[in-house]
Amino acid sequence: MTAGARGPTASAALPVVRVAALAACALCLTAGTALLPTVRARAAVTVADMIWDELAACESGGDWQADTGNGYFGGLQIRPSTWEEAGGLRFADRPDRATRRAQTTVGEEILRGQGWEAWPGCAREIGMIVDPVGERSRVGERPPAGVRPRPG
């Protein structure tokens, strides 16, 4: 029988390799956890296209180029000052002149800063804002799917 890789030289090096590998893994995990809050924060505000479409249907009748003369523009009916504050100028000078995707990107930034209260009526209507138990919202008599009222 030959010594091969299981000989005394290989087994003596094995603990050193394991320690180095564990140290590298610990370093990766430590660096990774520093990034997790950022990744989670971004993921928490990434809204499904379907929700943005529902919000736009309520706000502007689904017209992503809406300019109704009310001082709010685009599908999400964003004021020019809010558009600018949320970084919208990198896409267009006003929301109605930007693509749908640009409007939802800026919408996510607005959502990060203001929450769904940036669109109080329509966000409530589509179920993104749930009124306290005992109060009715414009959604109707029932809370949105997946939301259960707390027992009184």
Foldseek 3Di string as FASTA:
>chain_A
DDPPCVHPVNVVCVVVVVVVVVVVVVVVVVVVVVCVVVVVLLVVLDDDPVVLQQQLCVVPVSAQLDDPPPQFGGSNRHHQVLCVVLPVVVAPSHRSVGDPVSVVSSVSSVCSVPNPVVSVQSCQCVQVDDDAPPDDHNVPDDHDPPDDHDDD
